[in-house]
Amino acid sequence: TTIWSLERGSEGAVTVVTRTAELTPDAGSIGSVVSFAEDGVGELYLIDYDGEIFRIGTADSLTGNLSTRARLGAVSNVAIAGFVLEGEGRADLLIRGVGPGLADFQVIDPLVDPRFAVFENPGTGGSVRLLENEDWDDSGAAPAVREAEAVTGAFALEDGSTDAAAVLSLPAGSYTEVLRAGAAEEGIGLVEVYRMGPSAGQAMAPILRNISTRAAVEAGGGRLIAGFVLEGTGSRQFLIRGIGPGLEDFGVTGVITDPVLEVLPLGSGTVLAGNDDWDSGPGTAGMIEAAESVGAFPLMPGSGDASLLLRLAPGSYTARIRSADGQPGVGLVEIYLLSD
């Protein structure tokens, strides 16, 4: 039996790679291959004609952190971040809403008093509030937050700051973090979700598959900035979208009419890829297929929304959207880790 795989390179080029030697099992032998399969946490399997099942690999690179920085105030007084955990078991997450802590990174006009709430979104509709936090070390959770910062490499919040943070153990599902400013306050806030690993007593932890944040894009050169980290050793494929007009179908008013999306390595001024109109290039069919695979809502042809399908090596990245005409409005940035 000979086993091949296809690797997609730049500009759609495809290379055939022989995998037979590296897929030789430790025990038993592979006969005629009849199927491949993937479970909910990215484990890959081969099934032969005799009904034997061989685990042939693991999705060893996963998103460990997803975050979005935005201005809260006149255009939109909240940042609404949705995130999806997919798989089995429970995962410990560090969730933060940062304002004062941004001052250490030369962010001008950070929020003075951010607070957040986390909601579970069951498939039956509605939402269930899981917790709220305003001052991260006021509720006795400081030791857990400090441990989580050390595990994830998140920058440490100052003792006594009014930043918000909490550690949660969550099963697979859909969740929303809503970040708000203090009364009559405007400023820059940061929404963060870090995956720490399996919760105590759990052998497995679901994958942090997606985060999407709806918030304001300011006038002029204002941007909605999302950061994400791919941990591990292998490259993975992402669907990244910057949406304005598509939000109108969900009753959102005052959207940016022409979002421009760019993806960069964190701390670099070099743009890896950019997009203005999602259906203007040769990759449209792939983006439609990717959106269907992750359950993302479809973008309308000619909408002016932006989208990219990218394979990225492990590292830290920034996805940012701005308004092409410089007008303020509400935008949505989405980052999906694809199963590939």
C-alpha atoms as a PDB file:
ATOM      1  CA  THR A   1       0.000   0.000   0.000  1.00  0.00           C
ATOM      2  CA  THR A   2       1.283   3.445  -0.932  1.00  0.00           C
ATOM      3  CA  ILE A   3      -0.047   6.494   0.878  1.00  0.00           C
ATOM      4  CA  TRP A   4       0.249  10.056  -0.436  1.00  0.00           C
ATOM      5  CA  SER A   5      -0.810  13.474   0.743  1.00  0.00           C
ATOM      6  CA  LEU A   6      -1.244  16.760  -1.077  1.00  0.00           C
ATOM      7  CA  GLU A   7       0.378  19.943   0.221  1.00  0.00           C
ATOM      8  CA  ARG A   8      -0.922  23.274  -0.979  1.00  0.00           C
ATOM      9  CA  GLY A   9       1.770  25.913  -1.439  1.00  0.00           C
ATOM     10  CA  SER A  10       1.745  29.542  -2.450  1.00  0.00           C
ATOM     11  CA  GLU A  11      -0.608  30.693  -5.209  1.00  0.00           C
ATOM     12  CA  GLY A  12      -2.482  27.389  -5.135  1.00  0.00           C
ATOM     13  CA  ALA A  13       0.435  25.155  -6.149  1.00  0.00           C
ATOM     14  CA  VAL A  14      -0.053  21.513  -5.035  1.00  0.00           C
ATOM     15  CA  THR A  15       2.758  19.042  -4.247  1.00  0.00           C
ATOM     16  CA  VAL A  16       2.316  15.264  -3.948  1.00  0.00           C
ATOM     17  CA  VAL A  17       4.192  13.845  -0.933  1.00  0.00           C
ATOM     18  CA  THR A  18       4.706  10.092  -0.313  1.00  0.00           C
ATOM     19  CA  ARG A  19       3.831   9.239   3.322  1.00  0.00           C
ATOM     20  CA  THR A  20       4.097   5.424   3.293  1.00  0.00           C
ATOM     21  CA  ALA A  21       7.323   5.093   5.318  1.00  0.00           C
ATOM     22  CA  GLU A  22       6.380   7.575   8.042  1.00  0.00           C
ATOM     23  CA  LEU A  23       2.942   5.954   8.445  1.00  0.00           C
ATOM     24  CA  THR A  24       4.267   2.456   9.082  1.00  0.00           C
ATOM     25  CA  PRO A  25       2.510   1.374  12.316  1.00  0.00           C
ATOM     26  CA  ASP A  26       4.318   0.221  15.470  1.00  0.00           C
ATOM     27  CA  ALA A  27       2.134  -2.885  15.558  1.00  0.00           C
ATOM     28  CA  GLY A  28       0.217  -4.693  12.827  1.00  0.00           C
ATOM     29  CA  SER A  29       0.254  -3.756   9.164  1.00  0.00           C
ATOM     30  CA  ILE A  30      -1.857  -1.569   6.935  1.00  0.00           C
ATOM     31  CA  GLY A  31      -3.626  -3.437   4.153  1.00  0.00           C
ATOM     32  CA  SER A  32      -5.865  -1.772   1.592  1.00  0.00           C
ATOM     33  CA  VAL A  33      -6.847   1.673   2.781  1.00  0.00           C
ATOM     34  CA  VAL A  34     -10.580   2.340   2.621  1.00  0.00           C
ATOM     35  CA  SER A  35     -10.965   5.602   4.539  1.00  0.00           C
ATOM     36  CA  PHE A  36      -9.452   8.341   6.674  1.00  0.00           C
ATOM     37  CA  ALA A  37     -11.176  10.045   9.600  1.00  0.00           C
ATOM     38  CA  GLU A  38     -10.671  12.841  12.120  1.00  0.00           C
ATOM     39  CA  ASP A  39     -12.149  13.056  15.604  1.00  0.00           C
ATOM     40  CA  GLY A  40     -13.343  16.144  17.459  1.00  0.00           C
ATOM     41  CA  VAL A  41      -9.920  17.088  18.812  1.00  0.00           C
ATOM     42  CA  GLY A  42      -7.947  16.714  15.603  1.00  0.00           C
ATOM     43  CA  GLU A  43      -6.655  13.142  15.975  1.00  0.00           C
ATOM     44  CA  LEU A  44      -6.292  11.561  12.520  1.00  0.00           C
ATOM     45  CA  TYR A  45      -7.065   7.906  11.739  1.00  0.00           C
ATOM     46  CA  LEU A  46      -6.628   5.433   8.872  1.00  0.00           C
ATOM     47  CA  ILE A  47      -9.054   2.534   8.335  1.00  0.00           C
ATOM     48  CA  ASP A  48      -8.032  -0.480   6.278  1.00  0.00           C
ATOM     49  CA  TYR A  49     -10.112  -3.087   4.456  1.00  0.00           C
ATOM     50  CA  ASP A  50      -9.925  -5.549   7.369  1.00  0.00           C
ATOM     51  CA  GLY A  51     -11.578  -3.007   9.671  1.00  0.00           C
ATOM     52  CA  GLU A  52      -8.401  -2.152  11.577  1.00  0.00           C
ATOM     53  CA  ILE A  53      -8.089   1.458  12.723  1.00  0.00           C
ATOM     54  CA  PHE A  54      -4.678   3.141  12.995  1.00  0.00           C
ATOM     55  CA  ARG A  55      -4.082   6.524  14.561  1.00  0.00           C
ATOM     56  CA  ILE A  56      -1.768   8.212  12.067  1.00  0.00           C
ATOM     57  CA  GLY A  57      -1.183  11.630  13.527  1.00  0.00           C
ATOM     58  CA  THR A  58      -2.192  14.437  15.782  1.00  0.00           C
ATOM     59  CA  ALA A  59      -3.067  18.040  15.077  1.00  0.00           C
ATOM     60  CA  ASP A  60      -0.040  19.139  17.114  1.00  0.00           C
ATOM     61  CA  SER A  61      -0.457  22.876  16.546  1.00  0.00           C
ATOM     62  CA  LEU A  62      -3.382  24.650  18.175  1.00  0.00           C
ATOM     63  CA  THR A  63      -4.493  28.166  18.885  1.00  0.00           C
ATOM     64  CA  GLY A  64      -3.425  28.978  22.434  1.00  0.00           C
ATOM     65  CA  ASN A  65      -4.514  32.606  22.633  1.00  0.00           C
ATOM     66  CA  LEU A  66      -6.989  34.818  20.822  1.00  0.00           C
ATOM     67  CA  SER A  67      -7.445  38.506  21.604  1.00  0.00           C
ATOM     68  CA  THR A  68      -8.916  41.700  20.173  1.00  0.00           C
ATOM     69  CA  ARG A  69      -8.144  45.341  20.899  1.00  0.00           C
ATOM     70  CA  ALA A  70     -10.793  47.960  20.174  1.00  0.00           C
ATOM     71  CA  ARG A  71     -12.091  51.384  21.223  1.00  0.00           C
ATOM     72  CA  LEU A  72     -15.210  51.481  23.373  1.00  0.00           C
ATOM     73  CA  GLY A  73     -17.219  54.675  23.469  1.00  0.00           C
ATOM     74  CA  ALA A  74     -19.223  56.797  21.066  1.00  0.00           C
ATOM     75  CA  VAL A  75     -19.335  54.422  18.074  1.00  0.00           C
ATOM     76  CA  SER A  76     -19.890  51.257  20.136  1.00  0.00           C
ATOM     77  CA  ASN A  77     -19.828  51.088  23.934  1.00  0.00           C
ATOM     78  CA  VAL A  78     -19.166  47.330  24.052  1.00  0.00           C
ATOM     79  CA  ALA A  79     -16.820  44.797  22.493  1.00  0.00           C
ATOM     80  CA  ILE A  80     -18.619  41.492  21.960  1.00  0.00           C
ATOM     81  CA  ALA A  81     -16.280  38.516  21.574  1.00  0.00           C
ATOM     82  CA  GLY A  82     -17.556  35.057  20.730  1.00  0.00           C
ATOM     83  CA  PHE A  83     -15.375  31.966  21.047  1.00  0.00           C
ATOM     84  CA  VAL A  84     -15.895  28.286  20.297  1.00  0.00           C
ATOM     85  CA  LEU A  85     -14.432  25.256  22.082  1.00  0.00           C
ATOM     86  CA  GLU A  86     -14.626  22.062  20.050  1.00  0.00           C
ATOM     87  CA  GLY A  87     -13.847  18.497  21.108  1.00  0.00           C
ATOM     88  CA  GLU A  88     -14.041  16.452  24.305  1.00  0.00           C
ATOM     89  CA  GLY A  89     -13.297  17.005  27.982  1.00  0.00           C
ATOM     90  CA  ARG A  90     -12.983  20.399  29.648  1.00  0.00           C
ATOM     91  CA  ALA A  91     -10.414  23.165  29.193  1.00  0.00           C
ATOM     92  CA  ASP A  92      -9.121  25.744  31.661  1.00  0.00           C
ATOM     93  CA  LEU A  93      -9.252  29.221  30.154  1.00  0.00           C
ATOM     94  CA  LEU A  94      -7.829  32.539  31.266  1.00  0.00           C
ATOM     95  CA  ILE A  95     -10.242  35.275  30.180  1.00  0.00           C
ATOM     96  CA  ARG A  96      -9.362  38.947  30.579  1.00  0.00           C
ATOM     97  CA  GLY A  97     -10.702  42.412  29.860  1.00  0.00           C
ATOM     98  CA  VAL A  98      -7.746  44.801  30.001  1.00  0.00           C
ATOM     99  CA  GLY A  99      -7.649  48.597  30.138  1.00  0.00           C
ATOM    100  CA  PRO A 100      -5.099  50.051  32.583  1.00  0.00           C
ATOM    101  CA  GLY A 101      -2.666  47.224  31.773  1.00  0.00           C
ATOM    102  CA  LEU A 102      -2.357  48.529  28.203  1.00  0.00           C
ATOM    103  CA  ALA A 103      -0.593  51.675  29.404  1.00  0.00           C
ATOM    104  CA  ASP A 104       2.579  49.613  29.878  1.00  0.00           C
ATOM    105  CA  PHE A 105       2.557  48.981  26.109  1.00  0.00           C
ATOM    106  CA  GLN A 106       2.317  52.663  25.142  1.00  0.00           C
ATOM    107  CA  VAL A 107      -1.372  52.398  24.262  1.00  0.00           C
ATOM    108  CA  ILE A 108      -2.824  55.896  24.425  1.00  0.00           C
ATOM    109  CA  ASP A 109      -6.173  56.402  26.177  1.00  0.00           C
ATOM    110  CA  PRO A 110      -6.779  52.919  27.635  1.00  0.00           C
ATOM    111  CA  LEU A 111     -10.007  52.173  29.493  1.00  0.00           C
ATOM    112  CA  VAL A 112      -9.868  53.113  33.163  1.00  0.00           C
ATOM    113  CA  ASP A 113     -12.423  50.640  34.500  1.00  0.00           C
ATOM    114  CA  PRO A 114     -13.209  47.708  32.156  1.00  0.00           C
ATOM    115  CA  ARG A 115     -15.550  44.934  33.213  1.00  0.00           C
ATOM    116  CA  PHE A 116     -16.747  41.808  31.445  1.00  0.00           C
ATOM    117  CA  ALA A 117     -19.338  39.065  31.593  1.00  0.00           C
ATOM    118  CA  VAL A 118     -19.059  35.567  30.085  1.00  0.00           C
ATOM    119  CA  PHE A 119     -22.119  33.819  28.645  1.00  0.00           C
ATOM    120  CA  GLU A 120     -22.722  30.287  27.404  1.00  0.00           C
ATOM    121  CA  ASN A 121     -24.745  30.048  24.192  1.00  0.00           C
ATOM    122  CA  PRO A 122     -26.630  26.732  24.215  1.00  0.00           C
ATOM    123  CA  GLY A 123     -27.959  25.390  20.946  1.00  0.00           C
ATOM    124  CA  THR A 124     -31.516  25.835  22.198  1.00  0.00           C
ATOM    125  CA  GLY A 125     -31.209  29.633  21.920  1.00  0.00           C
ATOM    126  CA  GLY A 126     -30.724  32.371  24.472  1.00  0.00           C
ATOM    127  CA  SER A 127     -27.669  32.642  26.708  1.00  0.00           C
ATOM    128  CA  VAL A 128     -26.654  31.779  30.249  1.00  0.00           C
ATOM    129  CA  ARG A 129     -24.491  34.176  32.255  1.00  0.00           C
ATOM    130  CA  LEU A 130     -21.561  32.246  33.757  1.00  0.00           C
ATOM    131  CA  LEU A 131     -19.705  35.005  35.580  1.00  0.00           C
ATOM    132  CA  GLU A 132     -18.892  38.696  35.780  1.00  0.00           C
ATOM    133  CA  ASN A 133     -15.682  40.420  36.802  1.00  0.00           C
ATOM    134  CA  GLU A 134     -14.660  44.035  37.255  1.00  0.00           C
ATOM    135  CA  ASP A 135     -11.469  44.109  39.347  1.00  0.00           C
ATOM    136  CA  TRP A 136      -9.437  40.986  38.807  1.00  0.00           C
ATOM    137  CA  ASP A 137      -7.942  40.581  42.315  1.00  0.00           C
ATOM    138  CA  ASP A 138     -11.006  41.555  44.382  1.00  0.00           C
ATOM    139  CA  SER A 139     -12.720  38.163  44.450  1.00  0.00           C
ATOM    140  CA  GLY A 140      -9.988  35.905  45.824  1.00  0.00           C
ATOM    141  CA  ALA A 141      -9.138  34.706  42.321  1.00  0.00           C
ATOM    142  CA  ALA A 142      -5.724  36.404  42.211  1.00  0.00           C
ATOM    143  CA  PRO A 143      -3.674  33.191  42.834  1.00  0.00           C
ATOM    144  CA  ALA A 144      -5.468  31.350  40.021  1.00  0.00           C
ATOM    145  CA  VAL A 145      -5.006  34.288  37.647  1.00  0.00           C
ATOM    146  CA  ARG A 146      -1.315  34.562  38.520  1.00  0.00           C
ATOM    147  CA  GLU A 147      -0.828  30.834  37.868  1.00  0.00           C
ATOM    148  CA  ALA A 148      -2.683  31.116  34.563  1.00  0.00           C
ATOM    149  CA  GLU A 149      -0.517  34.068  33.491  1.00  0.00           C
ATOM    150  CA  ALA A 150       2.591  32.000  34.174  1.00  0.00           C
ATOM    151  CA  VAL A 151       1.262  28.971  32.257  1.00  0.00           C
ATOM    152  CA  THR A 152       0.128  30.936  29.193  1.00  0.00           C
ATOM    153  CA  GLY A 153       2.831  33.600  29.094  1.00  0.00           C
ATOM    154  CA  ALA A 154       0.257  36.379  29.371  1.00  0.00           C
ATOM    155  CA  PHE A 155       1.672  39.672  30.644  1.00  0.00           C
ATOM    156  CA  ALA A 156       1.065  40.118  34.367  1.00  0.00           C
ATOM    157  CA  LEU A 157      -1.650  42.502  35.520  1.00  0.00           C
ATOM    158  CA  GLU A 158      -0.609  45.012  38.171  1.00  0.00           C
ATOM    159  CA  ASP A 159      -1.653  44.320  41.755  1.00  0.00           C
ATOM    160  CA  GLY A 160      -4.693  46.433  42.557  1.00  0.00           C
ATOM    161  CA  SER A 161      -5.380  47.431  38.946  1.00  0.00           C
ATOM    162  CA  THR A 162      -8.959  47.731  37.722  1.00  0.00           C
ATOM    163  CA  ASP A 163      -8.370  45.288  34.859  1.00  0.00           C
ATOM    164  CA  ALA A 164     -10.751  42.308  34.787  1.00  0.00           C
ATOM    165  CA  ALA A 165      -9.776  38.628  34.656  1.00  0.00           C
ATOM    166  CA  ALA A 166     -11.025  35.171  35.598  1.00  0.00           C
ATOM    167  CA  VAL A 167     -10.077  31.506  35.200  1.00  0.00           C
ATOM    168  CA  LEU A 168     -12.852  29.204  33.967  1.00  0.00           C
ATOM    169  CA  SER A 169     -13.158  25.470  33.328  1.00  0.00           C
ATOM    170  CA  LEU A 170     -15.430  25.030  30.307  1.00  0.00           C
ATOM    171  CA  PRO A 171     -16.622  22.101  28.175  1.00  0.00           C
ATOM    172  CA  ALA A 172     -16.980  22.214  24.404  1.00  0.00           C
ATOM    173  CA  GLY A 173     -19.514  24.790  23.330  1.00  0.00           C
ATOM    174  CA  SER A 174     -20.124  28.341  22.178  1.00  0.00           C
ATOM    175  CA  TYR A 175     -19.443  31.291  24.476  1.00  0.00           C
ATOM    176  CA  THR A 176     -19.515  35.091  24.486  1.00  0.00           C
ATOM    177  CA  GLU A 177     -17.425  37.581  26.424  1.00  0.00           C
ATOM    178  CA  VAL A 178     -18.933  41.082  26.610  1.00  0.00           C
ATOM    179  CA  LEU A 179     -16.472  43.828  27.549  1.00  0.00           C
ATOM    180  CA  ARG A 180     -17.840  47.155  28.777  1.00  0.00           C
ATOM    181  CA  ALA A 181     -16.347  50.456  29.846  1.00  0.00           C
ATOM    182  CA  GLY A 182     -17.176  52.299  33.046  1.00  0.00           C
ATOM    183  CA  ALA A 183     -20.064  54.779  33.062  1.00  0.00           C
ATOM    184  CA  ALA A 184     -19.651  57.571  30.469  1.00  0.00           C
ATOM    185  CA  GLU A 185     -16.124  56.335  29.689  1.00  0.00           C
ATOM    186  CA  GLU A 186     -14.328  56.023  26.362  1.00  0.00           C
ATOM    187  CA  GLY A 187     -11.032  54.290  25.687  1.00  0.00           C
ATOM    188  CA  ILE A 188      -9.144  51.307  24.301  1.00  0.00           C
ATOM    189  CA  GLY A 189      -9.879  47.868  25.751  1.00  0.00           C
ATOM    190  CA  LEU A 190      -8.420  44.410  25.121  1.00  0.00           C
ATOM    191  CA  VAL A 191     -10.420  41.153  25.098  1.00  0.00           C
ATOM    192  CA  GLU A 192      -8.297  38.027  25.697  1.00  0.00           C
ATOM    193  CA  VAL A 193      -9.023  34.289  25.768  1.00  0.00           C
ATOM    194  CA  TYR A 194      -6.133  31.904  26.601  1.00  0.00           C
ATOM    195  CA  ARG A 195      -6.396  28.106  26.460  1.00  0.00           C
ATOM    196  CA  MET A 196      -4.378  26.572  29.313  1.00  0.00           C
ATOM    197  CA  GLY A 197      -5.025  22.869  28.704  1.00  0.00           C
ATOM    198  CA  PRO A 198      -7.172  20.123  30.260  1.00  0.00           C
ATOM    199  CA  SER A 199      -9.006  20.973  33.486  1.00  0.00           C
ATOM    200  CA  ALA A 200      -8.084  19.037  36.628  1.00  0.00           C
ATOM    201  CA  GLY A 201      -9.026  15.372  36.305  1.00  0.00           C
ATOM    202  CA  GLN A 202      -9.582  15.613  32.538  1.00  0.00           C
ATOM    203  CA  ALA A 203      -7.576  13.553  30.068  1.00  0.00           C
ATOM    204  CA  MET A 204      -8.590  15.709  27.106  1.00  0.00           C
ATOM    205  CA  ALA A 205      -9.336  19.359  26.432  1.00  0.00           C
ATOM    206  CA  PRO A 206     -11.361  20.879  23.591  1.00  0.00           C
ATOM    207  CA  ILE A 207      -9.663  23.011  20.953  1.00  0.00           C
ATOM    208  CA  LEU A 208     -10.020  26.792  20.936  1.00  0.00           C
ATOM    209  CA  ARG A 209     -11.364  26.825  17.406  1.00  0.00           C
ATOM    210  CA  ASN A 210     -12.683  30.333  16.753  1.00  0.00           C
ATOM    211  CA  ILE A 211     -12.966  33.827  18.121  1.00  0.00           C
ATOM    212  CA  SER A 212     -14.890  36.698  16.591  1.00  0.00           C
ATOM    213  CA  THR A 213     -15.158  40.209  18.023  1.00  0.00           C
ATOM    214  CA  ARG A 214     -17.631  42.944  17.114  1.00  0.00           C
ATOM    215  CA  ALA A 215     -16.547  46.442  18.061  1.00  0.00           C
ATOM    216  CA  ALA A 216     -15.915  49.960  16.780  1.00  0.00           C
ATOM    217  CA  VAL A 217     -13.639  50.951  13.930  1.00  0.00           C
ATOM    218  CA  GLU A 218     -12.731  54.609  14.395  1.00  0.00           C
ATOM    219  CA  ALA A 219     -12.700  57.339  11.743  1.00  0.00           C
ATOM    220  CA  GLY A 220      -9.566  58.009   9.723  1.00  0.00           C
ATOM    221  CA  GLY A 221      -6.902  55.369  10.295  1.00  0.00           C
ATOM    222  CA  GLY A 222      -8.736  53.583  13.112  1.00  0.00           C
ATOM    223  CA  ARG A 223      -8.410  49.797  13.275  1.00  0.00           C
ATOM    224  CA  LEU A 224      -9.992  46.836  15.000  1.00  0.00           C
ATOM    225  CA  ILE A 225      -6.970  44.698  15.953  1.00  0.00           C
ATOM    226  CA  ALA A 226      -7.110  40.959  16.679  1.00  0.00           C
ATOM    227  CA  GLY A 227      -4.135  38.910  17.857  1.00  0.00           C
ATOM    228  CA  PHE A 228      -3.805  35.143  17.733  1.00  0.00           C
ATOM    229  CA  VAL A 229      -1.128  32.607  18.627  1.00  0.00           C
ATOM    230  CA  LEU A 230      -0.538  29.236  16.953  1.00  0.00           C
ATOM    231  CA  GLU A 231       1.351  26.907  19.299  1.00  0.00           C
ATOM    232  CA  GLY A 232       3.102  23.678  18.308  1.00  0.00           C
ATOM    233  CA  THR A 233       5.336  22.527  15.463  1.00  0.00           C
ATOM    234  CA  GLY A 234       3.149  22.231  12.385  1.00  0.00           C
ATOM    235  CA  SER A 235       1.490  24.813  10.158  1.00  0.00           C
ATOM    236  CA  ARG A 236      -2.290  25.150  10.201  1.00  0.00           C
ATOM    237  CA  GLN A 237      -4.857  26.758   7.961  1.00  0.00           C
ATOM    238  CA  PHE A 238      -7.011  29.681   9.091  1.00  0.00           C
ATOM    239  CA  LEU A 239     -10.078  31.426   7.734  1.00  0.00           C
ATOM    240  CA  ILE A 240      -9.847  35.105   8.728  1.00  0.00           C
ATOM    241  CA  ARG A 241     -12.629  37.569   7.935  1.00  0.00           C
ATOM    242  CA  GLY A 242     -13.243  41.314   8.302  1.00  0.00           C
ATOM    243  CA  ILE A 243     -16.954  42.062   8.090  1.00  0.00           C
ATOM    244  CA  GLY A 244     -19.028  45.215   7.877  1.00  0.00           C
ATOM    245  CA  PRO A 245     -21.956  44.974   5.433  1.00  0.00           C
ATOM    246  CA  GLY A 246     -22.584  41.337   6.385  1.00  0.00           C
ATOM    247  CA  LEU A 247     -23.556  42.465   9.895  1.00  0.00           C
ATOM    248  CA  GLU A 248     -26.631  44.270   8.596  1.00  0.00           C
ATOM    249  CA  ASP A 249     -28.365  40.917   8.079  1.00  0.00           C
ATOM    250  CA  PHE A 250     -28.213  40.525  11.880  1.00  0.00           C
ATOM    251  CA  GLY A 251     -29.768  43.902  12.649  1.00  0.00           C
ATOM    252  CA  VAL A 252     -26.469  45.689  13.373  1.00  0.00           C
ATOM    253  CA  THR A 253     -26.628  49.358  12.371  1.00  0.00           C
ATOM    254  CA  GLY A 254     -23.862  51.864  11.677  1.00  0.00           C
ATOM    255  CA  VAL A 255     -21.475  49.315  10.157  1.00  0.00           C
ATOM    256  CA  ILE A 256     -18.355  50.109   8.159  1.00  0.00           C
ATOM    257  CA  THR A 257     -19.306  49.798   4.502  1.00  0.00           C
ATOM    258  CA  ASP A 258     -15.970  48.702   3.027  1.00  0.00           C
ATOM    259  CA  PRO A 259     -13.670  46.835   5.466  1.00  0.00           C
ATOM    260  CA  VAL A 260     -10.043  46.153   4.520  1.00  0.00           C
ATOM    261  CA  LEU A 261      -8.391  43.123   6.157  1.00  0.00           C
ATOM    262  CA  GLU A 262      -4.647  42.644   6.726  1.00  0.00           C
ATOM    263  CA  VAL A 263      -2.667  39.866   8.482  1.00  0.00           C
ATOM    264  CA  LEU A 264       0.840  40.488   9.874  1.00  0.00           C
ATOM    265  CA  PRO A 265       3.319  38.741  12.166  1.00  0.00           C
ATOM    266  CA  LEU A 266       3.026  40.264  15.628  1.00  0.00           C
ATOM    267  CA  GLY A 267       5.295  43.293  15.986  1.00  0.00           C
ATOM    268  CA  SER A 268       6.051  43.445  12.264  1.00  0.00           C
ATOM    269  CA  GLY A 269       5.050  46.090   9.761  1.00  0.00           C
ATOM    270  CA  THR A 270       5.185  43.569   6.909  1.00  0.00           C
ATOM    271  CA  VAL A 271       1.736  42.504   5.692  1.00  0.00           C
ATOM    272  CA  LEU A 272       1.587  38.770   4.918  1.00  0.00           C
ATOM    273  CA  ALA A 273      -1.738  38.999   3.109  1.00  0.00           C
ATOM    274  CA  GLY A 274      -4.554  41.460   2.633  1.00  0.00           C
ATOM    275  CA  ASN A 275      -8.021  41.578   1.155  1.00  0.00           C
ATOM    276  CA  ASP A 276     -10.612  44.228   0.367  1.00  0.00           C
ATOM    277  CA  ASP A 277     -13.410  42.323  -1.391  1.00  0.00           C
ATOM    278  CA  TRP A 278     -13.700  38.673  -0.451  1.00  0.00           C
ATOM    279  CA  ASP A 279     -15.009  37.430  -3.812  1.00  0.00           C
ATOM    280  CA  SER A 280     -12.642  39.398  -6.064  1.00  0.00           C
ATOM    281  CA  GLY A 281      -9.877  36.774  -6.319  1.00  0.00           C
ATOM    282  CA  PRO A 282      -9.331  33.150  -7.352  1.00  0.00           C
ATOM    283  CA  GLY A 283      -9.732  31.765  -3.806  1.00  0.00           C
ATOM    284  CA  THR A 284     -13.457  32.476  -3.490  1.00  0.00           C
ATOM    285  CA  ALA A 285     -14.569  28.832  -3.754  1.00  0.00           C
ATOM    286  CA  GLY A 286     -12.110  27.786  -1.036  1.00  0.00           C
ATOM    287  CA  MET A 287     -13.359  30.478   1.332  1.00  0.00           C
ATOM    288  CA  ILE A 288     -16.971  29.450   0.782  1.00  0.00           C
ATOM    289  CA  GLU A 289     -16.062  25.819   1.536  1.00  0.00           C
ATOM    290  CA  ALA A 290     -14.066  26.824   4.630  1.00  0.00           C
ATOM    291  CA  ALA A 291     -16.919  28.966   5.969  1.00  0.00           C
ATOM    292  CA  GLU A 292     -19.336  26.069   5.525  1.00  0.00           C
ATOM    293  CA  SER A 293     -16.974  23.668   7.307  1.00  0.00           C
ATOM    294  CA  VAL A 294     -16.801  25.820  10.463  1.00  0.00           C
ATOM    295  CA  GLY A 295     -20.423  26.977  10.429  1.00  0.00           C
ATOM    296  CA  ALA A 296     -19.627  30.622   9.669  1.00  0.00           C
ATOM    297  CA  PHE A 297     -22.460  32.608   8.137  1.00  0.00           C
ATOM    298  CA  PRO A 298     -22.102  33.008   4.339  1.00  0.00           C
ATOM    299  CA  LEU A 299     -20.953  36.295   2.834  1.00  0.00           C
ATOM    300  CA  MET A 300     -23.042  37.709   0.014  1.00  0.00           C
ATOM    301  CA  PRO A 301     -21.438  38.124  -3.439  1.00  0.00           C
ATOM    302  CA  GLY A 302     -20.361  41.723  -3.988  1.00  0.00           C
ATOM    303  CA  SER A 303     -20.916  42.623  -0.329  1.00  0.00           C
ATOM    304  CA  GLY A 304     -17.546  44.351   0.120  1.00  0.00           C
ATOM    305  CA  ASP A 305     -16.705  42.232   3.173  1.00  0.00           C
ATOM    306  CA  ALA A 306     -13.129  40.897   3.366  1.00  0.00           C
ATOM    307  CA  SER A 307     -11.796  37.366   3.832  1.00  0.00           C
ATOM    308  CA  LEU A 308      -8.520  35.431   3.669  1.00  0.00           C
ATOM    309  CA  LEU A 309      -7.657  31.725   3.660  1.00  0.00           C
ATOM    310  CA  LEU A 310      -4.100  31.352   4.991  1.00  0.00           C
ATOM    311  CA  ARG A 311      -1.724  28.576   6.046  1.00  0.00           C
ATOM    312  CA  LEU A 312       0.459  29.859   8.863  1.00  0.00           C
ATOM    313  CA  ALA A 313       3.464  28.488  10.724  1.00  0.00           C
ATOM    314  CA  PRO A 314       3.469  28.483  14.549  1.00  0.00           C
ATOM    315  CA  GLY A 315       3.895  31.998  15.873  1.00  0.00           C
ATOM    316  CA  SER A 316       2.062  35.149  16.905  1.00  0.00           C
ATOM    317  CA  TYR A 317      -0.012  37.110  14.418  1.00  0.00           C
ATOM    318  CA  THR A 318      -2.183  40.191  14.089  1.00  0.00           C
ATOM    319  CA  ALA A 319      -5.341  40.479  11.987  1.00  0.00           C
ATOM    320  CA  ARG A 320      -6.604  44.029  11.622  1.00  0.00           C
ATOM    321  CA  ILE A 321      -9.472  45.671   9.808  1.00  0.00           C
ATOM    322  CA  ARG A 322      -9.972  49.303   8.852  1.00  0.00           C
ATOM    323  CA  SER A 323     -12.498  51.271   6.885  1.00  0.00           C
ATOM    324  CA  ALA A 324     -11.439  51.877   3.274  1.00  0.00           C
ATOM    325  CA  ASP A 325     -13.210  55.245   3.193  1.00  0.00           C
ATOM    326  CA  GLY A 326     -12.031  56.289   6.664  1.00  0.00           C
ATOM    327  CA  GLN A 327     -15.567  56.501   8.017  1.00  0.00           C
ATOM    328  CA  PRO A 328     -16.294  55.153  11.516  1.00  0.00           C
ATOM    329  CA  GLY A 329     -18.594  52.236  12.174  1.00  0.00           C
ATOM    330  CA  VAL A 330     -18.984  48.791  13.655  1.00  0.00           C
ATOM    331  CA  GLY A 331     -16.891  45.928  12.293  1.00  0.00           C
ATOM    332  CA  LEU A 332     -16.420  42.229  12.999  1.00  0.00           C
ATOM    333  CA  VAL A 333     -13.108  40.392  12.914  1.00  0.00           C
ATOM    334  CA  GLU A 334     -13.235  36.564  12.835  1.00  0.00           C
ATOM    335  CA  ILE A 335     -10.446  34.001  13.183  1.00  0.00           C
ATOM    336  CA  TYR A 336     -11.229  30.324  12.544  1.00  0.00           C
ATOM    337  CA  LEU A 337      -8.733  27.470  12.990  1.00  0.00           C
ATOM    338  CA  LEU A 338      -9.628  24.968  10.255  1.00  0.00           C
ATOM    339  CA  SER A 339      -9.507  21.184  10.444  1.00  0.00           C
ATOM    340  CA  ASP A 340      -6.992  20.181   7.819  1.00  0.00           C
END
